[in-house]
């Protein structure tokens, strides 16, 4: 009887939740989190994982194609099929916003971990 009570009690206990750090606490000082929708990307960010480093290049497709770097050494905070969330400084965030407002697409370049 005591064994049955112990088993029932054990099955109804909820497992402890994993400790999740809020995004605002994971950012370095004087930085921001920017969600880059995948629709803004000229190429997919395949294989990008949290803590990877990327650069963003703004490109204008078409007959008068052009491109220029807009953000360097961004730390990836998370990535899924909807958005790439990166740690970014204020000047780079402004450059990304200006590039997008000009109709440019963003190309993420994954930096080597070595």
N, C-alpha and C. Protein backbone atom coordinates (compact mmCIF):
# COMPACT_ATOMS: atom_id res chain seq x y z
N UNK A 1 0.83 -1.19 0.00
CA UNK A 1 0.00 0.00 0.00
C UNK A 1 0.87 1.25 0.00
N UNK A 2 1.88 1.26 0.84
CA UNK A 2 2.78 2.41 0.91
C UNK A 2 3.54 2.58 -0.40
N UNK A 3 3.92 1.47 -1.03
CA UNK A 3 4.62 1.52 -2.31
C UNK A 3 3.71 2.11 -3.39
N UNK A 4 2.45 1.73 -3.41
CA UNK A 4 1.50 2.26 -4.39
C UNK A 4 1.32 3.76 -4.21
N UNK A 5 1.23 4.23 -2.97
CA UNK A 5 1.09 5.65 -2.68
C UNK A 5 2.33 6.42 -3.14
N UNK A 6 3.50 5.85 -2.93
CA UNK A 6 4.75 6.49 -3.35
C UNK A 6 4.81 6.60 -4.87
N UNK A 7 4.37 5.57 -5.59
CA UNK A 7 4.37 5.60 -7.05
C UNK A 7 3.40 6.64 -7.59
N UNK A 8 2.21 6.74 -7.02
CA UNK A 8 1.23 7.72 -7.46
C UNK A 8 1.75 9.13 -7.20
N UNK A 9 2.33 9.36 -6.05
CA UNK A 9 2.87 10.67 -5.72
C UNK A 9 4.00 11.05 -6.67
N UNK A 10 4.84 10.11 -6.98
CA UNK A 10 5.98 10.37 -7.87
C UNK A 10 5.51 10.71 -9.29
N UNK A 11 4.46 10.04 -9.76
CA UNK A 11 3.96 10.27 -11.12
C UNK A 11 3.26 11.62 -11.25
N UNK A 12 2.72 12.16 -10.16
CA UNK A 12 2.00 13.43 -10.25
C UNK A 12 2.91 14.63 -10.04
N UNK A 13 4.14 14.41 -9.63
CA UNK A 13 5.06 15.53 -9.45
C UNK A 13 5.43 16.10 -10.81
N UNK A 14 5.49 17.42 -10.89
CA UNK A 14 5.90 18.05 -12.15
C UNK A 14 7.41 18.17 -12.17
N UNK A 15 8.01 17.92 -13.34
CA UNK A 15 9.47 18.02 -13.42
C UNK A 15 9.90 19.48 -13.27
N UNK A 16 11.08 19.71 -12.72
CA UNK A 16 11.55 21.09 -12.57
C UNK A 16 11.76 21.72 -13.94
N UNK A 17 11.42 23.00 -14.04
CA UNK A 17 11.59 23.71 -15.31
C UNK A 17 13.05 24.08 -15.52
N UNK A 18 13.46 24.04 -16.78
CA UNK A 18 14.83 24.45 -17.11
C UNK A 18 14.94 25.95 -16.88
N UNK A 19 16.09 26.38 -16.40
CA UNK A 19 16.31 27.81 -16.16
C UNK A 19 16.52 28.50 -17.50
N UNK A 20 15.65 29.43 -17.80
CA UNK A 20 15.72 30.18 -19.05
C UNK A 20 16.13 31.61 -18.73
N UNK A 21 17.21 32.06 -19.34
CA UNK A 21 17.69 33.42 -19.12
C UNK A 21 16.94 34.35 -20.06
N UNK A 22 16.34 35.43 -19.55
CA UNK A 22 15.67 36.38 -20.44
C UNK A 22 16.66 36.98 -21.44
N UNK A 23 16.18 37.25 -22.63
CA UNK A 23 17.04 37.79 -23.69
C UNK A 23 17.73 39.07 -23.24
N UNK A 24 17.03 39.93 -22.53
CA UNK A 24 17.64 41.20 -22.10
C UNK A 24 18.83 40.98 -21.17
N UNK A 25 18.82 39.88 -20.42
CA UNK A 25 19.95 39.58 -19.53
C UNK A 25 21.08 38.88 -20.26
N UNK A 26 20.81 38.28 -21.41
CA UNK A 26 21.84 37.59 -22.18
C UNK A 26 22.65 38.55 -23.05
N UNK A 27 22.14 39.77 -23.26
CA UNK A 27 22.84 40.74 -24.10
C UNK A 27 24.02 41.36 -23.36
N UNK A 28 25.08 41.68 -24.11
CA UNK A 28 26.19 42.44 -23.55
C UNK A 28 25.72 43.86 -23.28
N UNK A 29 26.46 44.58 -22.42
CA UNK A 29 26.12 45.97 -22.12
C UNK A 29 26.14 46.84 -23.37
N UNK A 30 25.28 47.82 -23.40
CA UNK A 30 25.18 48.80 -24.51
C UNK A 30 24.89 48.15 -25.86
N UNK A 31 24.20 47.03 -25.86
CA UNK A 31 23.79 46.39 -27.11
C UNK A 31 22.28 46.17 -27.09
N UNK A 32 21.76 45.80 -28.24
CA UNK A 32 20.34 45.59 -28.41
C UNK A 32 20.11 44.25 -29.10
N UNK A 33 18.88 43.76 -29.02
CA UNK A 33 18.49 42.57 -29.78
C UNK A 33 17.67 43.06 -30.97
N UNK A 34 18.01 42.58 -32.16
CA UNK A 34 17.29 42.93 -33.37
C UNK A 34 16.77 41.65 -34.01
N UNK A 35 15.47 41.59 -34.24
CA UNK A 35 14.87 40.46 -34.95
C UNK A 35 14.87 40.77 -36.43
N UNK A 36 15.59 39.97 -37.19
CA UNK A 36 15.67 40.13 -38.65
C UNK A 36 14.75 39.07 -39.26
N UNK A 37 13.58 39.47 -39.77
CA UNK A 37 12.67 38.49 -40.38
C UNK A 37 13.34 37.79 -41.56
N UNK A 38 13.05 36.52 -41.74
CA UNK A 38 13.67 35.78 -42.85
C UNK A 38 13.27 36.37 -44.20
N UNK A 39 12.14 37.07 -44.26
CA UNK A 39 11.73 37.73 -45.51
C UNK A 39 12.70 38.84 -45.91
N UNK A 40 13.48 39.35 -44.97
CA UNK A 40 14.47 40.39 -45.25
C UNK A 40 15.76 39.81 -45.82
N UNK A 41 15.93 38.50 -45.73
CA UNK A 41 17.20 37.88 -46.12
C UNK A 41 17.22 37.53 -47.61
N UNK A 42 18.33 37.84 -48.25
CA UNK A 42 18.52 37.48 -49.65
C UNK A 42 18.94 36.03 -49.81
N UNK A 43 19.49 35.45 -48.75
CA UNK A 43 19.86 34.04 -48.70
C UNK A 43 19.49 33.49 -47.33
N UNK A 44 19.16 32.22 -47.23
CA UNK A 44 18.80 31.68 -45.92
C UNK A 44 20.01 31.60 -44.99
N UNK A 45 19.75 31.69 -43.71
CA UNK A 45 20.80 31.59 -42.69
C UNK A 45 20.88 30.14 -42.21
N UNK A 46 21.19 29.24 -43.11
CA UNK A 46 21.22 27.81 -42.80
C UNK A 46 22.43 27.49 -41.92
N UNK A 47 22.18 26.72 -40.88
CA UNK A 47 23.27 26.27 -40.01
C UNK A 47 23.70 27.27 -38.96
N UNK A 48 23.05 28.42 -38.89
CA UNK A 48 23.41 29.43 -37.90
C UNK A 48 22.81 29.02 -36.56
N UNK A 49 23.64 29.06 -35.51
CA UNK A 49 23.21 28.65 -34.17
C UNK A 49 23.50 29.75 -33.17
N UNK A 50 22.85 29.71 -32.01
CA UNK A 50 23.16 30.70 -30.97
C UNK A 50 24.66 30.74 -30.66
N UNK A 51 25.16 31.92 -30.46
CA UNK A 51 26.57 32.25 -30.16
C UNK A 51 27.45 32.28 -31.40
N UNK A 52 26.92 31.91 -32.58
CA UNK A 52 27.68 32.11 -33.82
C UNK A 52 27.83 33.60 -34.07
N UNK A 53 28.80 33.96 -34.88
CA UNK A 53 29.02 35.37 -35.26
C UNK A 53 28.77 35.50 -36.76
N UNK A 54 28.06 36.56 -37.13
CA UNK A 54 27.77 36.81 -38.54
C UNK A 54 28.04 38.27 -38.88
N UNK A 55 28.22 38.53 -40.17
CA UNK A 55 28.23 39.88 -40.73
C UNK A 55 27.00 39.98 -41.61
N UNK A 56 26.46 41.18 -41.78
CA UNK A 56 25.33 41.38 -42.68
C UNK A 56 25.74 42.29 -43.82
N UNK A 57 25.47 41.84 -45.04
CA UNK A 57 25.73 42.60 -46.25
C UNK A 57 24.37 42.99 -46.83
N UNK A 58 24.19 44.26 -47.18
CA UNK A 58 22.97 44.71 -47.83
C UNK A 58 23.17 44.66 -49.33
N UNK A 59 22.23 44.05 -50.04
CA UNK A 59 22.34 43.92 -51.50
C UNK A 59 21.06 44.42 -52.16
N UNK A 60 21.23 45.05 -53.31
CA UNK A 60 20.09 45.50 -54.11
C UNK A 60 20.08 44.64 -55.37
N UNK A 61 19.10 43.77 -55.51
CA UNK A 61 19.03 42.93 -56.71
C UNK A 61 18.52 43.74 -57.90
N UNK A 62 18.69 43.19 -59.07
CA UNK A 62 18.15 43.82 -60.27
C UNK A 62 19.22 44.21 -61.26
N UNK A 63 18.83 45.04 -62.22
CA UNK A 63 19.74 45.48 -63.28
C UNK A 63 20.91 46.29 -62.74
N UNK A 64 20.65 47.09 -61.73
CA UNK A 64 21.71 47.91 -61.14
C UNK A 64 22.07 47.35 -59.76
N UNK A 65 22.48 46.12 -59.75
CA UNK A 65 22.79 45.43 -58.50
C UNK A 65 23.94 46.13 -57.78
N UNK A 66 23.81 46.21 -56.47
CA UNK A 66 24.87 46.80 -55.65
C UNK A 66 24.80 46.17 -54.27
N UNK A 67 25.82 46.40 -53.49
CA UNK A 67 25.84 45.86 -52.13
C UNK A 67 26.92 46.51 -51.30
N UNK A 68 26.72 46.48 -49.99
CA UNK A 68 27.72 47.01 -49.07
C UNK A 68 27.50 46.40 -47.69
N UNK A 69 28.57 46.31 -46.90
CA UNK A 69 28.43 45.77 -45.54
C UNK A 69 27.69 46.77 -44.64
N UNK A 70 26.77 46.25 -43.82
CA UNK A 70 26.03 47.13 -42.91
C UNK A 70 26.27 46.81 -41.44
N UNK A 71 26.67 45.58 -41.12
CA UNK A 71 26.87 45.22 -39.72
C UNK A 71 27.91 44.11 -39.62
N UNK A 72 28.82 44.27 -38.68
CA UNK A 72 29.92 43.32 -38.50
C UNK A 72 29.84 42.64 -37.13
N UNK A 73 30.29 41.40 -37.08
CA UNK A 73 30.50 40.67 -35.84
C UNK A 73 29.27 40.66 -34.92
N UNK A 74 28.13 40.31 -35.49
CA UNK A 74 26.91 40.22 -34.71
C UNK A 74 26.82 38.84 -34.08
N UNK A 75 26.43 38.79 -32.82
CA UNK A 75 26.26 37.50 -32.14
C UNK A 75 24.83 37.03 -32.33
N UNK A 76 24.68 35.81 -32.82
CA UNK A 76 23.36 35.22 -33.01
C UNK A 76 22.82 34.82 -31.64
N UNK A 77 21.63 35.30 -31.32
CA UNK A 77 20.98 34.95 -30.06
C UNK A 77 20.04 33.76 -30.26
N UNK A 78 19.33 33.75 -31.40
CA UNK A 78 18.48 32.62 -31.76
C UNK A 78 18.14 32.71 -33.24
N UNK A 79 17.68 31.59 -33.76
CA UNK A 79 17.33 31.53 -35.18
C UNK A 79 16.27 30.46 -35.38
N UNK A 80 15.25 30.79 -36.16
CA UNK A 80 14.26 29.80 -36.55
C UNK A 80 13.78 30.13 -37.96
N UNK A 81 12.70 29.50 -38.40
CA UNK A 81 12.24 29.72 -39.77
C UNK A 81 11.56 31.07 -39.98
N UNK A 82 11.33 31.83 -38.91
CA UNK A 82 10.68 33.14 -39.03
C UNK A 82 11.63 34.31 -38.90
N UNK A 83 12.65 34.18 -38.04
CA UNK A 83 13.52 35.32 -37.78
C UNK A 83 14.89 34.88 -37.27
N UNK A 84 15.83 35.76 -37.49
CA UNK A 84 17.19 35.63 -36.98
C UNK A 84 17.33 36.74 -35.95
N UNK A 85 17.55 36.39 -34.70
CA UNK A 85 17.69 37.41 -33.65
C UNK A 85 19.16 37.55 -33.33
N UNK A 86 19.66 38.79 -33.46
CA UNK A 86 21.08 39.07 -33.27
C UNK A 86 21.29 40.15 -32.23
N UNK A 87 22.45 40.09 -31.60
CA UNK A 87 22.90 41.16 -30.71
C UNK A 87 23.59 42.20 -31.60
N UNK A 88 23.20 43.46 -31.45
CA UNK A 88 23.68 44.48 -32.37
C UNK A 88 23.88 45.80 -31.63
N UNK A 89 24.81 46.61 -32.12
CA UNK A 89 25.00 47.94 -31.52
C UNK A 89 24.07 48.93 -32.23
N UNK A 90 23.94 50.11 -31.66
CA UNK A 90 22.98 51.09 -32.17
C UNK A 90 23.28 51.53 -33.60
N UNK A 91 24.54 51.82 -33.91
CA UNK A 91 24.91 52.29 -35.25
C UNK A 91 24.61 51.22 -36.30
N UNK A 92 24.91 49.97 -35.99
CA UNK A 92 24.63 48.88 -36.94
C UNK A 92 23.14 48.67 -37.12
N UNK A 93 22.37 48.81 -36.04
CA UNK A 93 20.91 48.66 -36.14
C UNK A 93 20.33 49.74 -37.06
N UNK A 94 20.85 50.95 -36.95
CA UNK A 94 20.40 52.04 -37.82
C UNK A 94 20.76 51.74 -39.27
N UNK A 95 21.97 51.23 -39.50
CA UNK A 95 22.41 50.89 -40.87
C UNK A 95 21.52 49.80 -41.47
N UNK A 96 21.15 48.81 -40.68
CA UNK A 96 20.26 47.74 -41.16
C UNK A 96 18.89 48.33 -41.50
N UNK A 97 18.36 49.18 -40.62
CA UNK A 97 17.05 49.79 -40.86
C UNK A 97 17.06 50.66 -42.13
N UNK A 98 18.12 51.42 -42.33
CA UNK A 98 18.22 52.26 -43.53
C UNK A 98 18.32 51.42 -44.79
N UNK A 99 19.08 50.33 -44.73
CA UNK A 99 19.20 49.45 -45.89
C UNK A 99 17.85 48.85 -46.25
N UNK A 100 17.12 48.40 -45.24
CA UNK A 100 15.80 47.81 -45.49
C UNK A 100 14.81 48.85 -46.01
N UNK A 101 14.88 50.07 -45.49
CA UNK A 101 13.96 51.11 -45.96
C UNK A 101 14.25 51.50 -47.41
N UNK A 102 15.46 51.19 -47.88
CA UNK A 102 15.83 51.43 -49.28
C UNK A 102 15.52 50.24 -50.17
N UNK A 103 14.87 49.21 -49.62
CA UNK A 103 14.48 48.05 -50.40
C UNK A 103 15.57 47.01 -50.59
N UNK A 104 16.64 47.10 -49.81
CA UNK A 104 17.73 46.15 -49.95
C UNK A 104 17.45 44.88 -49.15
N UNK A 105 18.01 43.77 -49.62
CA UNK A 105 17.95 42.50 -48.89
C UNK A 105 19.24 42.34 -48.10
N UNK A 106 19.18 41.54 -47.06
CA UNK A 106 20.35 41.30 -46.21
C UNK A 106 20.89 39.90 -46.44
N UNK A 107 22.19 39.80 -46.58
CA UNK A 107 22.86 38.51 -46.77
C UNK A 107 23.72 38.26 -45.53
N UNK A 108 23.39 37.21 -44.75
CA UNK A 108 24.20 36.89 -43.57
C UNK A 108 25.44 36.09 -43.97
N UNK A 109 26.59 36.49 -43.46
CA UNK A 109 27.84 35.76 -43.69
C UNK A 109 28.28 35.18 -42.36
N UNK A 110 28.32 33.87 -42.27
CA UNK A 110 28.72 33.18 -41.05
C UNK A 110 30.23 33.23 -40.90
N UNK A 111 30.71 33.72 -39.75
CA UNK A 111 32.14 33.78 -39.48
C UNK A 111 32.64 32.42 -39.00
N UNK A 112 33.88 32.13 -39.29
CA UNK A 112 34.51 30.90 -38.82
C UNK A 112 34.66 30.95 -37.31
N UNK A 113 34.50 29.81 -36.67
CA UNK A 113 34.69 29.73 -35.22
C UNK A 113 36.16 29.59 -34.85
N UNK A 114 37.03 29.42 -35.84
CA UNK A 114 38.47 29.27 -35.57
C UNK A 114 39.20 30.56 -35.70
